[in-house]
């Protein structure tokens, strides 16, 4: 496992510092998984592939605090994962998104396969 950067504010109410934002590259059974954490789009995402081809990327699409669907598709273009899973959306009004819109953009603009995982459910990759 490798800790990697994420671009996100890190302050809470009254300016309290909450720590550094981060993502993770996880090598598991010969595959690389990228959990972007709460992040906006940043060009160094392209460097994640230096560890090897990314099998699965978990990307926030909520907007407001993180990437929205359009920037998330740009992240998918930089990362070139085989599978992408949208995350960090729909838990409160500021980050309401329809993951099907993201999925359609991924299908149209990339070679990645989007898998939408409903809250509380599991998938096997």
Foldseek 3Di string as FASTA:
>chain_A
DDKAAAAFDAADPPRHGRDGFIWDWDQDPNATEIERGAHEADLCLLVVCVVPQHAEYEAEQQPPGYHHLVRRLVSCVSRVHQEYEYDDADPDDSRHDDVVVSQVCNVVPHNHHYDYAPPPGDDDD
